[in-house]
């Protein structure tokens, strides 16, 4: 059975775990129609367009 040779200090343990929690910021792209930033390969929430065609009617368009 594996047994640790000695106590691992809190500092050494925490150094090992330090980079686990860091998250990367989501990538954002500019919408070619309205210029708003949104996640790639997803519909633009501002204008409702994806891949050059309207996928969803957005409230701002319905009011106009």
PDB file of N, CA and C in Angstrom:
ATOM      1  N   UNK A   1       0.842  -1.182   0.000  1.00  0.00           N
ATOM      2  CA  UNK A   1       0.000   0.000   0.000  1.00  0.00           C
ATOM      3  C   UNK A   1       0.886   1.243   0.000  1.00  0.00           C
ATOM      4  N   UNK A   2       0.515   2.251  -0.782  1.00  0.00           N
ATOM      5  CA  UNK A   2       1.315   3.473  -0.877  1.00  0.00           C
ATOM      6  C   UNK A   2       1.089   4.339   0.351  1.00  0.00           C
ATOM      7  N   UNK A   3       2.191   4.768   0.944  1.00  0.00           N
ATOM      8  CA  UNK A   3       2.134   5.620   2.129  1.00  0.00           C
ATOM      9  C   UNK A   3       3.025   6.831   1.878  1.00  0.00           C
ATOM     10  N   UNK A   4       2.546   8.054   2.170  1.00  0.00           N
ATOM     11  CA  UNK A   4       3.384   9.236   1.974  1.00  0.00           C
ATOM     12  C   UNK A   4       4.617   9.192   2.873  1.00  0.00           C
ATOM     13  N   UNK A   5       5.761   9.652   2.347  1.00  0.00           N
ATOM     14  CA  UNK A   5       7.006   9.650   3.131  1.00  0.00           C
ATOM     15  C   UNK A   5       6.991  10.702   4.224  1.00  0.00           C
ATOM     16  N   UNK A   6       6.285  11.803   3.980  1.00  0.00           N
ATOM     17  CA  UNK A   6       6.234  12.856   4.998  1.00  0.00           C
ATOM     18  C   UNK A   6       5.046  13.771   4.751  1.00  0.00           C
ATOM     19  N   UNK A   7       4.805  14.637   5.736  1.00  0.00           N
ATOM     20  CA  UNK A   7       3.681  15.553   5.630  1.00  0.00           C
ATOM     21  C   UNK A   7       3.945  16.588   4.536  1.00  0.00           C
ATOM     22  N   UNK A   8       2.948  16.819   3.710  1.00  0.00           N
ATOM     23  CA  UNK A   8       3.035  17.874   2.702  1.00  0.00           C
ATOM     24  C   UNK A   8       2.502  19.147   3.347  1.00  0.00           C
ATOM     25  N   UNK A   9       3.324  20.188   3.349  1.00  0.00           N
ATOM     26  CA  UNK A   9       2.922  21.431   4.001  1.00  0.00           C
ATOM     27  C   UNK A   9       1.778  22.099   3.245  1.00  0.00           C
ATOM     28  N   UNK A  10       1.081  22.995   3.931  1.00  0.00           N
ATOM     29  CA  UNK A  10      -0.041  23.698   3.310  1.00  0.00           C
ATOM     30  C   UNK A  10       0.425  24.531   2.127  1.00  0.00           C
ATOM     31  N   UNK A  11       1.586  25.149   2.247  1.00  0.00           N
ATOM     32  CA  UNK A  11       2.115  25.982   1.161  1.00  0.00           C
ATOM     33  C   UNK A  11       2.411  25.135  -0.076  1.00  0.00           C
ATOM     34  N   UNK A  12       3.026  23.986   0.123  1.00  0.00           N
ATOM     35  CA  UNK A  12       3.345  23.113  -1.007  1.00  0.00           C
ATOM     36  C   UNK A  12       2.077  22.553  -1.651  1.00  0.00           C
ATOM     37  N   UNK A  13       1.120  22.169  -0.823  1.00  0.00           N
ATOM     38  CA  UNK A  13      -0.152  21.658  -1.323  1.00  0.00           C
ATOM     39  C   UNK A  13      -0.888  22.739  -2.125  1.00  0.00           C
ATOM     40  N   UNK A  14      -0.927  23.957  -1.589  1.00  0.00           N
ATOM     41  CA  UNK A  14      -1.643  25.042  -2.254  1.00  0.00           C
ATOM     42  C   UNK A  14      -0.947  25.495  -3.532  1.00  0.00           C
ATOM     43  N   UNK A  15       0.396  25.404  -3.572  1.00  0.00           N
ATOM     44  CA  UNK A  15       1.115  25.727  -4.804  1.00  0.00           C
ATOM     45  C   UNK A  15       0.718  24.764  -5.917  1.00  0.00           C
ATOM     46  N   UNK A  16       0.539  23.518  -5.579  1.00  0.00           N
ATOM     47  CA  UNK A  16       0.158  22.512  -6.564  1.00  0.00           C
ATOM     48  C   UNK A  16      -1.250  22.774  -7.096  1.00  0.00           C
ATOM     49  N   UNK A  17      -2.135  23.258  -6.253  1.00  0.00           N
ATOM     50  CA  UNK A  17      -3.526  23.483  -6.641  1.00  0.00           C
ATOM     51  C   UNK A  17      -3.795  24.886  -7.177  1.00  0.00           C
ATOM     52  N   UNK A  18      -2.796  25.719  -7.257  1.00  0.00           N
ATOM     53  CA  UNK A  18      -3.023  27.133  -7.540  1.00  0.00           C
ATOM     54  C   UNK A  18      -3.606  27.401  -8.913  1.00  0.00           C
ATOM     55  N   UNK A  19      -3.262  26.618  -9.923  1.00  0.00           N
ATOM     56  CA  UNK A  19      -3.725  26.929 -11.274  1.00  0.00           C
ATOM     57  C   UNK A  19      -4.987  26.180 -11.668  1.00  0.00           C
ATOM     58  N   UNK A  20      -5.568  25.417 -10.779  1.00  0.00           N
ATOM     59  CA  UNK A  20      -6.722  24.600 -11.119  1.00  0.00           C
ATOM     60  C   UNK A  20      -7.976  25.449 -11.299  1.00  0.00           C
ATOM     61  N   UNK A  21      -8.151  26.478 -10.486  1.00  0.00           N
ATOM     62  CA  UNK A  21      -9.398  27.234 -10.462  1.00  0.00           C
ATOM     63  C   UNK A  21      -9.483  28.307 -11.520  1.00  0.00           C
ATOM     64  N   UNK A  22      -8.362  28.658 -12.172  1.00  0.00           N
ATOM     65  CA  UNK A  22      -8.373  29.776 -13.108  1.00  0.00           C
ATOM     66  C   UNK A  22      -9.183  29.443 -14.350  1.00  0.00           C
ATOM     67  N   UNK A  23     -10.038  30.357 -14.737  1.00  0.00           N
ATOM     68  CA  UNK A  23     -10.870  30.174 -15.910  1.00  0.00           C
ATOM     69  C   UNK A  23     -10.398  31.090 -17.029  1.00  0.00           C
ATOM     70  N   UNK A  24     -10.647  30.700 -18.259  1.00  0.00           N
ATOM     71  CA  UNK A  24     -10.308  31.550 -19.381  1.00  0.00           C
ATOM     72  C   UNK A  24     -11.533  32.366 -19.772  1.00  0.00           C
ATOM     73  N   UNK A  25     -11.289  33.559 -20.243  1.00  0.00           N
ATOM     74  CA  UNK A  25     -12.381  34.420 -20.674  1.00  0.00           C
ATOM     75  C   UNK A  25     -12.976  33.866 -21.962  1.00  0.00           C
ATOM     76  N   UNK A  26     -14.293  33.959 -22.124  1.00  0.00           N
ATOM     77  CA  UNK A  26     -14.896  33.437 -23.356  1.00  0.00           C
ATOM     78  C   UNK A  26     -14.474  34.268 -24.554  1.00  0.00           C
ATOM     79  N   UNK A  27     -14.298  33.613 -25.691  1.00  0.00           N
ATOM     80  CA  UNK A  27     -13.948  34.315 -26.916  1.00  0.00           C
ATOM     81  C   UNK A  27     -15.168  35.073 -27.414  1.00  0.00           C
ATOM     82  N   UNK A  28     -14.955  36.277 -27.917  1.00  0.00           N
ATOM     83  CA  UNK A  28     -16.043  37.088 -28.445  1.00  0.00           C
ATOM     84  C   UNK A  28     -15.700  37.520 -29.862  1.00  0.00           C
ATOM     85  N   UNK A  29     -16.714  37.553 -30.714  1.00  0.00           N
ATOM     86  CA  UNK A  29     -16.539  38.019 -32.085  1.00  0.00           C
ATOM     87  C   UNK A  29     -17.553  39.131 -32.352  1.00  0.00           C
ATOM     88  N   UNK A  30     -17.236  39.970 -33.328  1.00  0.00           N
ATOM     89  CA  UNK A  30     -18.119  41.078 -33.668  1.00  0.00           C
ATOM     90  C   UNK A  30     -19.146  40.606 -34.697  1.00  0.00           C
ATOM     91  N   UNK A  31     -20.398  40.948 -34.480  1.00  0.00           N
ATOM     92  CA  UNK A  31     -21.469  40.598 -35.411  1.00  0.00           C
ATOM     93  C   UNK A  31     -21.290  41.428 -36.683  1.00  0.00           C
ATOM     94  N   UNK A  32     -21.281  40.791 -37.861  1.00  0.00           N
ATOM     95  CA  UNK A  32     -21.092  41.556 -39.089  1.00  0.00           C
ATOM     96  C   UNK A  32     -22.278  42.462 -39.429  1.00  0.00           C
ATOM     97  N   UNK A  33     -23.449  42.178 -38.861  1.00  0.00           N
ATOM     98  CA  UNK A  33     -24.632  42.987 -39.180  1.00  0.00           C
ATOM     99  C   UNK A  33     -24.764  44.206 -38.269  1.00  0.00           C
ATOM    100  N   UNK A  34     -24.720  43.979 -36.950  1.00  0.00           N
ATOM    101  CA  UNK A  34     -24.960  45.098 -36.024  1.00  0.00           C
ATOM    102  C   UNK A  34     -23.711  45.539 -35.273  1.00  0.00           C
ATOM    103  N   UNK A  35     -22.649  44.726 -35.280  1.00  0.00           N
ATOM    104  CA  UNK A  35     -21.405  45.109 -34.612  1.00  0.00           C
ATOM    105  C   UNK A  35     -21.339  44.757 -33.137  1.00  0.00           C
ATOM    106  N   UNK A  36     -22.370  44.121 -32.606  1.00  0.00           N
ATOM    107  CA  UNK A  36     -22.369  43.731 -31.200  1.00  0.00           C
ATOM    108  C   UNK A  36     -21.455  42.524 -31.002  1.00  0.00           C
ATOM    109  N   UNK A  37     -20.919  42.378 -29.797  1.00  0.00           N
ATOM    110  CA  UNK A  37     -20.060  41.241 -29.490  1.00  0.00           C
ATOM    111  C   UNK A  37     -20.912  40.064 -29.011  1.00  0.00           C
ATOM    112  N   UNK A  38     -20.586  38.881 -29.517  1.00  0.00           N
ATOM    113  CA  UNK A  38     -21.275  37.671 -29.080  1.00  0.00           C
ATOM    114  C   UNK A  38     -20.313  36.505 -29.206  1.00  0.00           C
ATOM    115  N   UNK A  39     -20.681  35.351 -28.638  1.00  0.00           N
ATOM    116  CA  UNK A  39     -19.824  34.175 -28.692  1.00  0.00           C
ATOM    117  C   UNK A  39     -19.829  33.597 -30.099  1.00  0.00           C
ATOM    118  N   UNK A  40     -18.697  33.052 -30.553  1.00  0.00           N
ATOM    119  CA  UNK A  40     -18.650  32.523 -31.913  1.00  0.00           C
ATOM    120  C   UNK A  40     -19.553  31.303 -32.093  1.00  0.00           C
ATOM    121  N   UNK A  41     -20.042  31.117 -33.313  1.00  0.00           N
ATOM    122  CA  UNK A  41     -20.914  30.005 -33.689  1.00  0.00           C
ATOM    123  C   UNK A  41     -22.230  30.026 -32.922  1.00  0.00           C
ATOM    124  N   UNK A  42     -22.677  31.212 -32.565  1.00  0.00           N
ATOM    125  CA  UNK A  42     -23.956  31.364 -31.891  1.00  0.00           C
ATOM    126  C   UNK A  42     -24.686  32.572 -32.469  1.00  0.00           C
ATOM    127  N   UNK A  43     -25.990  32.571 -32.317  1.00  0.00           N
ATOM    128  CA  UNK A  43     -26.804  33.668 -32.816  1.00  0.00           C
ATOM    129  C   UNK A  43     -26.475  34.956 -32.065  1.00  0.00           C
ATOM    130  N   UNK A  44     -26.530  36.077 -32.770  1.00  0.00           N
ATOM    131  CA  UNK A  44     -26.309  37.371 -32.122  1.00  0.00           C
ATOM    132  C   UNK A  44     -27.556  37.716 -31.306  1.00  0.00           C
ATOM    133  N   UNK A  45     -27.430  37.956 -30.004  1.00  0.00           N
ATOM    134  CA  UNK A  45     -28.620  38.254 -29.198  1.00  0.00           C
ATOM    135  C   UNK A  45     -29.209  39.632 -29.485  1.00  0.00           C
ATOM    136  N   UNK A  46     -28.418  40.528 -30.089  1.00  0.00           N
ATOM    137  CA  UNK A  46     -28.894  41.884 -30.357  1.00  0.00           C
ATOM    138  C   UNK A  46     -29.799  41.930 -31.592  1.00  0.00           C
ATOM    139  N   UNK A  47     -29.374  41.284 -32.684  1.00  0.00           N
ATOM    140  CA  UNK A  47     -30.145  41.388 -33.930  1.00  0.00           C
ATOM    141  C   UNK A  47     -30.817  40.074 -34.334  1.00  0.00           C
ATOM    142  N   UNK A  48     -30.424  38.944 -33.758  1.00  0.00           N
ATOM    143  CA  UNK A  48     -31.062  37.671 -34.062  1.00  0.00           C
ATOM    144  C   UNK A  48     -30.549  36.998 -35.320  1.00  0.00           C
ATOM    145  N   UNK A  49     -29.413  37.447 -35.849  1.00  0.00           N
ATOM    146  CA  UNK A  49     -28.873  36.862 -37.072  1.00  0.00           C
ATOM    147  C   UNK A  49     -27.783  35.851 -36.754  1.00  0.00           C
ATOM    148  N   UNK A  50     -27.693  34.819 -37.593  1.00  0.00           N
ATOM    149  CA  UNK A  50     -26.603  33.847 -37.521  1.00  0.00           C
ATOM    150  C   UNK A  50     -26.309  33.373 -38.925  1.00  0.00           C
ATOM    151  N   UNK A  51     -25.057  33.414 -39.298  1.00  0.00           N
ATOM    152  CA  UNK A  51     -24.580  32.930 -40.593  1.00  0.00           C
ATOM    153  C   UNK A  51     -25.292  33.625 -41.758  1.00  0.00           C
ATOM    154  N   UNK A  52     -25.549  34.927 -41.604  1.00  0.00           N
ATOM    155  CA  UNK A  52     -26.116  35.720 -42.687  1.00  0.00           C
ATOM    156  C   UNK A  52     -27.618  35.667 -42.829  1.00  0.00           C
ATOM    157  N   UNK A  53     -28.310  34.968 -41.957  1.00  0.00           N
ATOM    158  CA  UNK A  53     -29.766  34.931 -42.060  1.00  0.00           C
ATOM    159  C   UNK A  53     -30.393  35.124 -40.677  1.00  0.00           C
ATOM    160  N   UNK A  54     -31.623  35.627 -40.678  1.00  0.00           N
ATOM    161  CA  UNK A  54     -32.302  35.876 -39.414  1.00  0.00           C
ATOM    162  C   UNK A  54     -32.847  34.574 -38.871  1.00  0.00           C
ATOM    163  N   UNK A  55     -32.459  34.262 -37.642  1.00  0.00           N
ATOM    164  CA  UNK A  55     -32.857  33.016 -37.007  1.00  0.00           C
ATOM    165  C   UNK A  55     -34.001  33.254 -36.026  1.00  0.00           C
ATOM    166  N   UNK A  56     -33.985  34.430 -35.400  1.00  0.00           N
ATOM    167  CA  UNK A  56     -34.978  34.714 -34.365  1.00  0.00           C
ATOM    168  C   UNK A  56     -35.371  36.178 -34.454  1.00  0.00           C
ATOM    169  N   UNK A  57     -36.662  36.453 -34.296  1.00  0.00           N
ATOM    170  CA  UNK A  57     -37.127  37.845 -34.262  1.00  0.00           C
ATOM    171  C   UNK A  57     -36.846  38.400 -32.870  1.00  0.00           C
ATOM    172  N   UNK A  58     -36.144  39.514 -32.825  1.00  0.00           N
ATOM    173  CA  UNK A  58     -35.767  40.132 -31.556  1.00  0.00           C
ATOM    174  C   UNK A  58     -36.729  41.288 -31.279  1.00  0.00           C
ATOM    175  N   UNK A  59     -36.973  41.572 -30.007  1.00  0.00           N
ATOM    176  CA  UNK A  59     -37.930  42.604 -29.605  1.00  0.00           C
ATOM    177  C   UNK A  59     -37.619  43.957 -30.239  1.00  0.00           C
ATOM    178  N   UNK A  60     -36.359  44.324 -30.363  1.00  0.00           N
ATOM    179  CA  UNK A  60     -35.995  45.616 -30.942  1.00  0.00           C
ATOM    180  C   UNK A  60     -36.477  45.703 -32.387  1.00  0.00           C
ATOM    181  N   UNK A  61     -36.423  44.605 -33.142  1.00  0.00           N
ATOM    182  CA  UNK A  61     -36.890  44.594 -34.512  1.00  0.00           C
ATOM    183  C   UNK A  61     -38.418  44.625 -34.577  1.00  0.00           C
ATOM    184  N   UNK A  62     -39.064  43.978 -33.634  1.00  0.00           N
ATOM    185  CA  UNK A  62     -40.528  43.914 -33.638  1.00  0.00           C
ATOM    186  C   UNK A  62     -41.138  45.274 -33.329  1.00  0.00           C
ATOM    187  N   UNK A  63     -40.458  46.094 -32.506  1.00  0.00           N
ATOM    188  CA  UNK A  63     -40.989  47.413 -32.139  1.00  0.00           C
ATOM    189  C   UNK A  63     -40.888  48.395 -33.299  1.00  0.00           C
ATOM    190  N   UNK A  64     -39.914  48.212 -34.192  1.00  0.00           N
ATOM    191  CA  UNK A  64     -39.711  49.163 -35.303  1.00  0.00           C
ATOM    192  C   UNK A  64     -40.728  49.037 -36.386  1.00  0.00           C
TER     193      UNK A  64
END
